[in-house]
PDB file of N, CA and C in Angstrom:
ATOM      1  N   MET A   1     -39.054 -46.107 -45.440  1.00  0.00           N
ATOM      2  CA  MET A   1     -37.965 -46.841 -46.054  1.00  0.00           C
ATOM      3  C   MET A   1     -38.445 -48.272 -46.277  1.00  0.00           C
ATOM      4  N   ASN A   2     -38.376 -48.713 -47.528  1.00  0.00           N
ATOM      5  CA  ASN A   2     -38.797 -50.080 -47.801  1.00  0.00           C
ATOM      6  C   ASN A   2     -37.646 -51.068 -47.566  1.00  0.00           C
ATOM      7  N   ASP A   3     -37.932 -52.347 -47.716  1.00  0.00           N
ATOM      8  CA  ASP A   3     -36.936 -53.389 -47.429  1.00  0.00           C
ATOM      9  C   ASP A   3     -35.689 -53.243 -48.286  1.00  0.00           C
ATOM     10  N   ARG A   4     -35.859 -52.942 -49.570  1.00  0.00           N
ATOM     11  CA  ARG A   4     -34.709 -52.818 -50.469  1.00  0.00           C
ATOM     12  C   ARG A   4     -33.819 -51.650 -50.057  1.00  0.00           C
ATOM     13  N   ALA A   5     -34.429 -50.517 -49.727  1.00  0.00           N
ATOM     14  CA  ALA A   5     -33.655 -49.350 -49.304  1.00  0.00           C
ATOM     15  C   ALA A   5     -32.925 -49.637 -47.998  1.00  0.00           C
ATOM     16  N   ALA A   6     -33.579 -50.329 -47.078  1.00  0.00           N
ATOM     17  CA  ALA A   6     -32.938 -50.681 -45.807  1.00  0.00           C
ATOM     18  C   ALA A   6     -31.725 -51.559 -46.054  1.00  0.00           C
ATOM     19  N   LYS A   7     -31.849 -52.498 -46.975  1.00  0.00           N
ATOM     20  CA  LYS A   7     -30.730 -53.390 -47.305  1.00  0.00           C
ATOM     21  C   LYS A   7     -29.605 -52.610 -47.985  1.00  0.00           C
ATOM     22  N   ASP A   8     -29.969 -51.772 -48.965  1.00  0.00           N
ATOM     23  CA  ASP A   8     -28.960 -50.995 -49.693  1.00  0.00           C
ATOM     24  C   ASP A   8     -28.192 -50.038 -48.786  1.00  0.00           C
ATOM     25  N   HIS A   9     -28.840 -49.568 -47.706  1.00  0.00           N
ATOM     26  CA  HIS A   9     -28.205 -48.610 -46.796  1.00  0.00           C
ATOM     27  C   HIS A   9     -27.871 -49.220 -45.434  1.00  0.00           C
ATOM     28  N   ALA A  10     -27.779 -50.541 -45.394  1.00  0.00           N
ATOM     29  CA  ALA A  10     -27.499 -51.239 -44.126  1.00  0.00           C
ATOM     30  C   ALA A  10     -26.198 -50.766 -43.487  1.00  0.00           C
ATOM     31  N   ASP A  11     -25.175 -50.531 -44.286  1.00  0.00           N
ATOM     32  CA  ASP A  11     -23.883 -50.092 -43.737  1.00  0.00           C
ATOM     33  C   ASP A  11     -23.966 -48.714 -43.087  1.00  0.00           C
ATOM     34  N   ASP A  12     -24.975 -47.944 -43.465  1.00  0.00           N
ATOM     35  CA  ASP A  12     -25.153 -46.603 -42.905  1.00  0.00           C
ATOM     36  C   ASP A  12     -26.176 -46.567 -41.771  1.00  0.00           C
ATOM     37  N   GLY A  13     -26.788 -47.734 -41.465  1.00  0.00           N
ATOM     38  CA  GLY A  13     -27.760 -47.789 -40.384  1.00  0.00           C
ATOM     39  C   GLY A  13     -29.103 -48.371 -40.785  1.00  0.00           C
ATOM     40  N   GLY A  14     -29.344 -48.542 -42.089  1.00  0.00           N
ATOM     41  CA  GLY A  14     -30.603 -49.137 -42.542  1.00  0.00           C
ATOM     42  C   GLY A  14     -31.810 -48.370 -42.034  1.00  0.00           C
ATOM     43  N   ARG A  15     -32.773 -49.089 -41.483  1.00  0.00           N
ATOM     44  CA  ARG A  15     -34.027 -48.467 -41.007  1.00  0.00           C
ATOM     45  C   ARG A  15     -33.800 -47.465 -39.875  1.00  0.00           C
ATOM     46  N   ALA A  16     -32.685 -47.563 -39.186  1.00  0.00           N
ATOM     47  CA  ALA A  16     -32.396 -46.602 -38.121  1.00  0.00           C
ATOM     48  C   ALA A  16     -32.209 -45.188 -38.672  1.00  0.00           C
ATOM     49  N   LEU A  17     -32.030 -45.058 -39.984  1.00  0.00           N
ATOM     50  CA  LEU A  17     -31.901 -43.732 -40.599  1.00  0.00           C
ATOM     51  C   LEU A  17     -33.220 -42.977 -40.625  1.00  0.00           C
ATOM     52  N   VAL A  18     -34.341 -43.700 -40.567  1.00  0.00           N
ATOM     53  CA  VAL A  18     -35.655 -43.046 -40.603  1.00  0.00           C
ATOM     54  C   VAL A  18     -35.779 -42.105 -39.409  1.00  0.00           C
ATOM     55  N   GLY A  19     -36.123 -40.853 -39.707  1.00  0.00           N
ATOM     56  CA  GLY A  19     -36.280 -39.851 -38.655  1.00  0.00           C
ATOM     57  C   GLY A  19     -35.020 -39.054 -38.371  1.00  0.00           C
ATOM     58  N   THR A  20     -33.900 -39.426 -39.018  1.00  0.00           N
ATOM     59  CA  THR A  20     -32.671 -38.663 -38.824  1.00  0.00           C
ATOM     60  C   THR A  20     -32.627 -37.504 -39.811  1.00  0.00           C
ATOM     61  N   ASP A  21     -31.671 -36.622 -39.628  1.00  0.00           N
ATOM     62  CA  ASP A  21     -31.528 -35.445 -40.487  1.00  0.00           C
ATOM     63  C   ASP A  21     -31.117 -35.875 -41.892  1.00  0.00           C
ATOM     64  N   LEU A  22     -31.972 -35.588 -42.854  1.00  0.00           N
ATOM     65  CA  LEU A  22     -31.753 -35.958 -44.243  1.00  0.00           C
ATOM     66  C   LEU A  22     -30.435 -35.402 -44.770  1.00  0.00           C
ATOM     67  N   MET A  23     -30.096 -34.190 -44.388  1.00  0.00           N
ATOM     68  CA  MET A  23     -28.890 -33.547 -44.917  1.00  0.00           C
ATOM     69  C   MET A  23     -27.613 -34.224 -44.428  1.00  0.00           C
ATOM     70  N   GLU A  24     -27.640 -34.811 -43.251  1.00  0.00           N
ATOM     71  CA  GLU A  24     -26.448 -35.479 -42.725  1.00  0.00           C
ATOM     72  C   GLU A  24     -26.103 -36.750 -43.489  1.00  0.00           C
ATOM     73  N   CYS A  25     -27.048 -37.254 -44.262  1.00  0.00           N
ATOM     74  CA  CYS A  25     -26.847 -38.494 -45.018  1.00  0.00           C
ATOM     75  C   CYS A  25     -26.326 -38.233 -46.426  1.00  0.00           C
ATOM     76  N   HIS A  26     -26.125 -36.968 -46.787  1.00  0.00           N
ATOM     77  CA  HIS A  26     -25.749 -36.637 -48.157  1.00  0.00           C
ATOM     78  C   HIS A  26     -24.575 -35.670 -48.190  1.00  0.00           C
ATOM     79  N   PRO A  27     -23.754 -35.753 -49.245  1.00  0.00           N
ATOM     80  CA  PRO A  27     -22.642 -34.801 -49.406  1.00  0.00           C
ATOM     81  C   PRO A  27     -23.180 -33.423 -49.779  1.00  0.00           C
ATOM     82  N   PRO A  28     -22.339 -32.383 -49.674  1.00  0.00           N
ATOM     83  CA  PRO A  28     -22.788 -31.008 -49.906  1.00  0.00           C
ATOM     84  C   PRO A  28     -23.506 -30.774 -51.236  1.00  0.00           C
ATOM     85  N   ASP A  29     -23.026 -31.352 -52.343  1.00  0.00           N
ATOM     86  CA  ASP A  29     -23.689 -31.101 -53.628  1.00  0.00           C
ATOM     87  C   ASP A  29     -25.092 -31.696 -53.645  1.00  0.00           C
ATOM     88  N   ALA A  30     -25.287 -32.855 -53.037  1.00  0.00           N
ATOM     89  CA  ALA A  30     -26.616 -33.468 -52.956  1.00  0.00           C
ATOM     90  C   ALA A  30     -27.510 -32.682 -51.996  1.00  0.00           C
ATOM     91  N   GLN A  31     -26.936 -32.150 -50.919  1.00  0.00           N
ATOM     92  CA  GLN A  31     -27.706 -31.325 -49.984  1.00  0.00           C
ATOM     93  C   GLN A  31     -28.298 -30.116 -50.703  1.00  0.00           C
ATOM     94  N   MET A  32     -27.502 -29.524 -51.587  1.00  0.00           N
ATOM     95  CA  MET A  32     -27.968 -28.359 -52.332  1.00  0.00           C
ATOM     96  C   MET A  32     -29.175 -28.737 -53.206  1.00  0.00           C
ATOM     97  N   LYS A  33     -29.107 -29.863 -53.877  1.00  0.00           N
ATOM     98  CA  LYS A  33     -30.225 -30.310 -54.727  1.00  0.00           C
ATOM     99  C   LYS A  33     -31.460 -30.615 -53.886  1.00  0.00           C
ATOM    100  N   LEU A  34     -31.268 -31.268 -52.732  1.00  0.00           N
ATOM    101  CA  LEU A  34     -32.402 -31.584 -51.865  1.00  0.00           C
ATOM    102  C   LEU A  34     -33.060 -30.317 -51.329  1.00  0.00           C
ATOM    103  N   ARG A  35     -32.251 -29.328 -50.966  1.00  0.00           N
ATOM    104  CA  ARG A  35     -32.812 -28.052 -50.511  1.00  0.00           C
ATOM    105  C   ARG A  35     -33.638 -27.404 -51.611  1.00  0.00           C
ATOM    106  N   GLU A  36     -33.159 -27.522 -52.852  1.00  0.00           N
ATOM    107  CA  GLU A  36     -33.901 -26.954 -53.980  1.00  0.00           C
ATOM    108  C   GLU A  36     -35.259 -27.651 -54.130  1.00  0.00           C
ATOM    109  N   VAL A  37     -35.291 -28.981 -53.991  1.00  0.00           N
ATOM    110  CA  VAL A  37     -36.558 -29.723 -54.048  1.00  0.00           C
ATOM    111  C   VAL A  37     -37.476 -29.260 -52.920  1.00  0.00           C
ATOM    112  N   LEU A  38     -36.943 -29.156 -51.707  1.00  0.00           N
ATOM    113  CA  LEU A  38     -37.749 -28.751 -50.549  1.00  0.00           C
ATOM    114  C   LEU A  38     -38.294 -27.338 -50.709  1.00  0.00           C
ATOM    115  N   ASN A  39     -37.480 -26.427 -51.231  1.00  0.00           N
ATOM    116  CA  ASN A  39     -37.876 -25.018 -51.323  1.00  0.00           C
ATOM    117  C   ASN A  39     -38.708 -24.687 -52.554  1.00  0.00           C
ATOM    118  N   SER A  40     -38.431 -25.344 -53.668  1.00  0.00           N
ATOM    119  CA  SER A  40     -39.095 -24.971 -54.927  1.00  0.00           C
ATOM    120  C   SER A  40     -40.327 -25.817 -55.233  1.00  0.00           C
ATOM    121  N   GLY A  41     -40.341 -27.041 -54.740  1.00  0.00           N
ATOM    122  CA  GLY A  41     -41.431 -27.953 -55.077  1.00  0.00           C
ATOM    123  C   GLY A  41     -41.222 -28.669 -56.397  1.00  0.00           C
ATOM    124  N   ARG A  42     -40.154 -28.330 -57.109  1.00  0.00           N
ATOM    125  CA  ARG A  42     -39.850 -29.020 -58.362  1.00  0.00           C
ATOM    126  C   ARG A  42     -39.105 -30.308 -58.062  1.00  0.00           C
ATOM    127  N   PRO A  43     -39.472 -31.408 -58.718  1.00  0.00           N
ATOM    128  CA  PRO A  43     -38.766 -32.667 -58.480  1.00  0.00           C
ATOM    129  C   PRO A  43     -37.363 -32.646 -59.074  1.00  0.00           C
ATOM    130  N   ASN A  44     -36.510 -33.493 -58.558  1.00  0.00           N
ATOM    131  CA  ASN A  44     -35.163 -33.715 -59.066  1.00  0.00           C
ATOM    132  C   ASN A  44     -35.167 -35.125 -59.656  1.00  0.00           C
ATOM    133  N   VAL A  45     -34.971 -35.221 -60.972  1.00  0.00           N
ATOM    134  CA  VAL A  45     -35.046 -36.510 -61.661  1.00  0.00           C
ATOM    135  C   VAL A  45     -33.781 -36.697 -62.476  1.00  0.00           C
ATOM    136  N   TYR A  46     -33.144 -37.863 -62.314  1.00  0.00           N
ATOM    137  CA  TYR A  46     -31.913 -38.134 -63.049  1.00  0.00           C
ATOM    138  C   TYR A  46     -31.655 -39.636 -63.111  1.00  0.00           C
ATOM    139  N   THR A  47     -30.701 -40.016 -63.935  1.00  0.00           N
ATOM    140  CA  THR A  47     -30.249 -41.408 -63.968  1.00  0.00           C
ATOM    141  C   THR A  47     -28.822 -41.455 -63.455  1.00  0.00           C
ATOM    142  N   THR A  48     -28.452 -42.611 -62.943  1.00  0.00           N
ATOM    143  CA  THR A  48     -27.109 -42.805 -62.409  1.00  0.00           C
ATOM    144  C   THR A  48     -26.706 -44.264 -62.607  1.00  0.00           C
ATOM    145  N   GLN A  49     -25.433 -44.532 -62.439  1.00  0.00           N
ATOM    146  CA  GLN A  49     -24.947 -45.907 -62.516  1.00  0.00           C
ATOM    147  C   GLN A  49     -23.885 -46.095 -61.445  1.00  0.00           C
ATOM    148  N   GLU A  50     -24.038 -47.155 -60.676  1.00  0.00           N
ATOM    149  CA  GLU A  50     -23.033 -47.521 -59.671  1.00  0.00           C
ATOM    150  C   GLU A  50     -23.006 -49.038 -59.543  1.00  0.00           C
ATOM    151  N   ARG A  51     -21.846 -49.548 -59.371  1.00  0.00           N
ATOM    152  CA  ARG A  51     -21.666 -51.006 -59.277  1.00  0.00           C
ATOM    153  C   ARG A  51     -22.426 -51.740 -60.381  1.00  0.00           C
ATOM    154  N   ARG A  52     -22.278 -51.231 -61.616  1.00  0.00           N
ATOM    155  CA  ARG A  52     -22.882 -51.841 -62.812  1.00  0.00           C
ATOM    156  C   ARG A  52     -24.405 -51.854 -62.794  1.00  0.00           C
ATOM    157  N   ARG A  53     -25.021 -51.092 -61.881  1.00  0.00           N
ATOM    158  CA  ARG A  53     -26.480 -50.994 -61.815  1.00  0.00           C
ATOM    159  C   ARG A  53     -26.899 -49.611 -62.287  1.00  0.00           C
ATOM    160  N   LYS A  54     -27.743 -49.577 -63.332  1.00  0.00           N
ATOM    161  CA  LYS A  54     -28.288 -48.302 -63.803  1.00  0.00           C
ATOM    162  C   LYS A  54     -29.595 -48.045 -63.070  1.00  0.00           C
ATOM    163  N   LYS A  55     -29.798 -46.777 -62.673  1.00  0.00           N
ATOM    164  CA  LYS A  55     -30.992 -46.440 -61.899  1.00  0.00           C
ATOM    165  C   LYS A  55     -31.577 -45.113 -62.357  1.00  0.00           C
ATOM    166  N   LEU A  56     -32.896 -45.022 -62.234  1.00  0.00           N
ATOM    167  CA  LEU A  56     -33.622 -43.770 -62.396  1.00  0.00           C
ATOM    168  C   LEU A  56     -33.967 -43.294 -60.995  1.00  0.00           C
ATOM    169  N   ILE A  57     -33.618 -42.060 -60.676  1.00  0.00           N
ATOM    170  CA  ILE A  57     -33.877 -41.478 -59.355  1.00  0.00           C
ATOM    171  C   ILE A  57     -34.913 -40.371 -59.512  1.00  0.00           C
ATOM    172  N   TYR A  58     -35.955 -40.405 -58.668  1.00  0.00           N
ATOM    173  CA  TYR A  58     -36.989 -39.377 -58.667  1.00  0.00           C
ATOM    174  C   TYR A  58     -37.144 -38.896 -57.223  1.00  0.00           C
ATOM    175  N   GLN A  59     -36.879 -37.622 -56.990  1.00  0.00           N
ATOM    176  CA  GLN A  59     -37.002 -37.027 -55.660  1.00  0.00           C
ATOM    177  C   GLN A  59     -38.024 -35.892 -55.723  1.00  0.00           C
ATOM    178  N   CYS A  60     -38.931 -35.880 -54.761  1.00  0.00           N
ATOM    179  CA  CYS A  60     -39.942 -34.823 -54.718  1.00  0.00           C
ATOM    180  C   CYS A  60     -40.314 -34.536 -53.255  1.00  0.00           C
ATOM    181  N   GLN A  61     -41.029 -33.434 -53.067  1.00  0.00           N
ATOM    182  CA  GLN A  61     -41.473 -33.075 -51.722  1.00  0.00           C
ATOM    183  C   GLN A  61     -42.431 -34.128 -51.164  1.00  0.00           C
ATOM    184  N   TRP A  62     -42.323 -34.355 -49.861  1.00  0.00           N
ATOM    185  CA  TRP A  62     -43.311 -35.141 -49.122  1.00  0.00           C
ATOM    186  C   TRP A  62     -44.061 -34.151 -48.249  1.00  0.00           C
ATOM    187  N   LYS A  63     -45.397 -34.171 -48.349  1.00  0.00           N
ATOM    188  CA  LYS A  63     -46.207 -33.221 -47.589  1.00  0.00           C
ATOM    189  C   LYS A  63     -47.183 -33.963 -46.684  1.00  0.00           C
ATOM    190  N   LYS A  64     -47.464 -33.350 -45.559  1.00  0.00           N
ATOM    191  CA  LYS A  64     -48.484 -33.848 -44.638  1.00  0.00           C
ATOM    192  C   LYS A  64     -49.298 -32.652 -44.192  1.00  0.00           C
ATOM    193  N   GLY A  65     -50.608 -32.724 -44.408  1.00  0.00           N
ATOM    194  CA  GLY A  65     -51.469 -31.601 -44.051  1.00  0.00           C
ATOM    195  C   GLY A  65     -51.122 -30.337 -44.804  1.00  0.00           C
ATOM    196  N   GLY A  66     -50.612 -30.494 -46.027  1.00  0.00           N
ATOM    197  CA  GLY A  66     -50.269 -29.336 -46.845  1.00  0.00           C
ATOM    198  C   GLY A  66     -48.920 -28.721 -46.533  1.00  0.00           C
ATOM    199  N   ARG A  67     -48.208 -29.256 -45.542  1.00  0.00           N
ATOM    200  CA  ARG A  67     -46.888 -28.717 -45.162  1.00  0.00           C
ATOM    201  C   ARG A  67     -45.792 -29.671 -45.607  1.00  0.00           C
ATOM    202  N   VAL A  68     -44.710 -29.114 -46.120  1.00  0.00           N
ATOM    203  CA  VAL A  68     -43.571 -29.920 -46.543  1.00  0.00           C
ATOM    204  C   VAL A  68     -42.936 -30.545 -45.307  1.00  0.00           C
ATOM    205  N   GLY A  69     -42.795 -31.870 -45.343  1.00  0.00           N
ATOM    206  CA  GLY A  69     -42.221 -32.580 -44.202  1.00  0.00           C
ATOM    207  C   GLY A  69     -40.979 -33.371 -44.539  1.00  0.00           C
ATOM    208  N   GLY A  70     -40.557 -33.328 -45.799  1.00  0.00           N
ATOM    209  CA  GLY A  70     -39.374 -34.074 -46.187  1.00  0.00           C
ATOM    210  C   GLY A  70     -39.350 -34.336 -47.679  1.00  0.00           C
ATOM    211  N   VAL A  71     -38.581 -35.338 -48.041  1.00  0.00           N
ATOM    212  CA  VAL A  71     -38.394 -35.700 -49.443  1.00  0.00           C
ATOM    213  C   VAL A  71     -38.724 -37.171 -49.627  1.00  0.00           C
ATOM    214  N   VAL A  72     -39.434 -37.483 -50.697  1.00  0.00           N
ATOM    215  CA  VAL A  72     -39.665 -38.858 -51.121  1.00  0.00           C
ATOM    216  C   VAL A  72     -38.669 -39.133 -52.232  1.00  0.00           C
ATOM    217  N   GLN A  73     -38.006 -40.273 -52.142  1.00  0.00           N
ATOM    218  CA  GLN A  73     -37.083 -40.680 -53.204  1.00  0.00           C
ATOM    219  C   GLN A  73     -37.501 -42.049 -53.707  1.00  0.00           C
ATOM    220  N   VAL A  74     -37.722 -42.125 -55.008  1.00  0.00           N
ATOM    221  CA  VAL A  74     -38.056 -43.391 -55.653  1.00  0.00           C
ATOM    222  C   VAL A  74     -36.870 -43.768 -56.532  1.00  0.00           C
ATOM    223  N   VAL A  75     -36.385 -44.994 -56.364  1.00  0.00           N
ATOM    224  CA  VAL A  75     -35.267 -45.489 -57.152  1.00  0.00           C
ATOM    225  C   VAL A  75     -35.763 -46.688 -57.956  1.00  0.00           C
ATOM    226  N   ILE A  76     -35.611 -46.606 -59.263  1.00  0.00           N
ATOM    227  CA  ILE A  76     -36.016 -47.698 -60.137  1.00  0.00           C
ATOM    228  C   ILE A  76     -34.763 -48.220 -60.825  1.00  0.00           C
ATOM    229  N   GLU A  77     -34.445 -49.482 -60.575  1.00  0.00           N
ATOM    230  CA  GLU A  77     -33.297 -50.083 -61.241  1.00  0.00           C
ATOM    231  C   GLU A  77     -33.679 -50.393 -62.684  1.00  0.00           C
ATOM    232  N   LEU A  78     -32.824 -49.960 -63.603  1.00  0.00           N
ATOM    233  CA  LEU A  78     -33.086 -50.129 -65.028  1.00  0.00           C
ATOM    234  C   LEU A  78     -32.261 -51.296 -65.576  1.00  0.00           C
ATOM    235  N   PRO A  79     -32.856 -52.108 -66.429  1.00  0.00           N
ATOM    236  CA  PRO A  79     -32.080 -53.187 -67.050  1.00  0.00           C
ATOM    237  C   PRO A  79     -30.928 -52.603 -67.860  1.00  0.00           C
ATOM    238  N   ARG A  80     -29.769 -53.243 -67.784  1.00  0.00           N
ATOM    239  CA  ARG A  80     -28.600 -52.734 -68.514  1.00  0.00           C
ATOM    240  C   ARG A  80     -28.824 -52.725 -70.014  1.00  0.00           C
ATOM    241  N   ASP A  81     -29.643 -53.636 -70.507  1.00  0.00           N
ATOM    242  CA  ASP A  81     -29.870 -53.735 -71.944  1.00  0.00           C
ATOM    243  C   ASP A  81     -31.202 -53.114 -72.370  1.00  0.00           C
ATOM    244  N   MET A  82     -31.751 -52.239 -71.535  1.00  0.00           N
ATOM    245  CA  MET A  82     -33.028 -51.611 -71.853  1.00  0.00           C
ATOM    246  C   MET A  82     -32.891 -50.742 -73.108  1.00  0.00           C
ATOM    247  N   PRO A  83     -33.792 -50.902 -74.083  1.00  0.00           N
ATOM    248  CA  PRO A  83     -33.720 -50.097 -75.297  1.00  0.00           C
ATOM    249  C   PRO A  83     -33.950 -48.616 -75.002  1.00  0.00           C
ATOM    250  N   HIS A  84     -33.335 -47.778 -75.771  1.00  0.00           N
ATOM    251  CA  HIS A  84     -33.525 -46.330 -75.676  1.00  0.00           C
ATOM    252  C   HIS A  84     -33.892 -45.844 -77.076  1.00  0.00           C
ATOM    253  N   HIS A  85     -35.027 -45.170 -77.185  1.00  0.00           N
ATOM    254  CA  HIS A  85     -35.515 -44.699 -78.485  1.00  0.00           C
ATOM    255  C   HIS A  85     -35.533 -43.175 -78.507  1.00  0.00           C
ATOM    256  N   VAL A  86     -35.028 -42.595 -79.561  1.00  0.00           N
ATOM    257  CA  VAL A  86     -35.107 -41.148 -79.768  1.00  0.00           C
ATOM    258  C   VAL A  86     -36.123 -40.940 -80.875  1.00  0.00           C
ATOM    259  N   ARG A  87     -37.165 -40.198 -80.572  1.00  0.00           N
ATOM    260  CA  ARG A  87     -38.245 -40.003 -81.561  1.00  0.00           C
ATOM    261  C   ARG A  87     -38.468 -38.555 -81.849  1.00  0.00           C
TER     262      ARG A  87
END
Protein backbone atom coordinates (compact mmCIF):
# COMPACT_ATOMS: atom_id res chain seq x y z
CA MET A 1 0.00 0.00 0.00
CA ASN A 2 1.52 3.29 -1.04
CA ASP A 3 1.14 6.63 0.77
CA ARG A 4 -1.79 7.79 -1.37
CA ALA A 5 -3.73 4.56 -0.85
CA ALA A 6 -3.07 4.71 2.90
CA LYS A 7 -4.42 8.27 2.98
CA ASP A 8 -7.45 7.44 0.81
CA HIS A 9 -8.32 4.49 3.08
CA ALA A 10 -7.38 6.09 6.41
CA ASP A 11 -10.96 5.91 7.69
CA ASP A 12 -10.90 2.15 7.13
CA GLY A 13 -7.52 1.61 8.83
CA GLY A 14 -4.98 2.81 6.26
CA ARG A 15 -1.78 0.74 6.32
CA ALA A 16 -3.25 -1.51 9.01
CA LEU A 17 -5.32 -3.07 6.20
CA VAL A 18 -2.19 -4.70 4.75
CA GLY A 19 -2.34 -8.42 5.49
CA THR A 20 -6.06 -8.44 6.26
CA ASP A 21 -8.66 -10.43 4.32
CA LEU A 22 -9.14 -8.70 0.97
CA MET A 23 -12.76 -9.85 0.71
CA GLU A 24 -13.75 -8.23 4.02
CA CYS A 25 -12.82 -4.83 2.57
CA HIS A 26 -15.22 -5.09 -0.37
CA PRO A 27 -18.99 -5.45 -0.92
CA PRO A 28 -20.35 -8.71 -2.39
CA ASP A 29 -20.38 -7.55 -6.04
CA ALA A 30 -16.72 -6.46 -5.82
CA GLN A 31 -15.83 -9.73 -4.04
CA MET A 32 -17.22 -11.63 -7.02
CA LYS A 33 -15.04 -9.64 -9.45
CA LEU A 34 -11.94 -10.10 -7.27
CA ARG A 35 -12.54 -13.86 -7.08
CA GLU A 36 -12.77 -13.91 -10.87
CA VAL A 37 -9.38 -12.13 -11.13
CA LEU A 38 -7.85 -14.55 -8.61
CA ASN A 39 -9.28 -17.66 -10.30
CA SER A 40 -9.04 -16.76 -13.99
CA GLY A 41 -5.88 -14.67 -14.16
CA ARG A 42 -7.68 -12.12 -16.33
CA PRO A 43 -7.36 -8.52 -15.14
CA ASN A 44 -10.36 -6.40 -14.18
CA VAL A 45 -10.05 -2.95 -15.78
CA TYR A 46 -12.61 -0.16 -15.57
CA THR A 47 -13.13 3.55 -15.00
CA THR A 48 -15.08 5.10 -12.17
CA GLN A 49 -15.92 8.50 -10.75
CA GLU A 50 -16.39 9.46 -7.11
CA ARG A 51 -16.26 12.81 -5.40
CA ARG A 52 -15.69 14.48 -8.80
CA ARG A 53 -12.52 12.40 -9.33
CA LYS A 54 -12.34 10.20 -12.43
CA LYS A 55 -10.14 7.12 -12.10
CA LEU A 56 -8.86 4.20 -14.12
CA ILE A 57 -8.75 1.00 -12.03
CA TYR A 58 -6.55 -1.97 -13.00
CA GLN A 59 -6.70 -5.14 -10.88
CA CYS A 60 -4.63 -8.24 -11.58
CA GLN A 61 -3.19 -11.28 -9.83
CA TRP A 62 -0.17 -10.84 -7.57
CA LYS A 63 2.10 -13.89 -7.65
CA LYS A 64 5.07 -14.98 -5.59
CA GLY A 65 7.08 -18.01 -6.64
CA GLY A 66 4.52 -18.73 -9.34
CA ARG A 67 1.64 -18.96 -6.83
CA VAL A 68 -1.24 -16.50 -6.65
CA GLY A 69 -0.93 -14.58 -3.40
CA GLY A 70 -3.42 -11.77 -3.85
CA VAL A 71 -4.47 -8.90 -6.05
CA VAL A 72 -2.57 -5.82 -7.20
CA GLN A 73 -4.71 -2.75 -7.75
CA VAL A 74 -3.42 0.28 -9.61
CA VAL A 75 -5.52 3.44 -9.49
CA ILE A 76 -4.74 6.27 -11.88
CA GLU A 77 -6.58 9.53 -11.35
CA LEU A 78 -7.64 10.97 -14.70
CA PRO A 79 -7.90 14.69 -15.41
CA ARG A 80 -11.54 15.74 -15.68
CA ASP A 81 -10.84 17.51 -18.96
CA MET A 82 -8.74 14.72 -20.49
CA PRO A 83 -9.48 14.39 -24.22
CA HIS A 84 -11.12 11.21 -25.46
CA HIS A 85 -10.58 10.20 -29.10
CA VAL A 86 -12.54 7.58 -31.02
CA ARG A 87 -10.55 6.34 -34.00
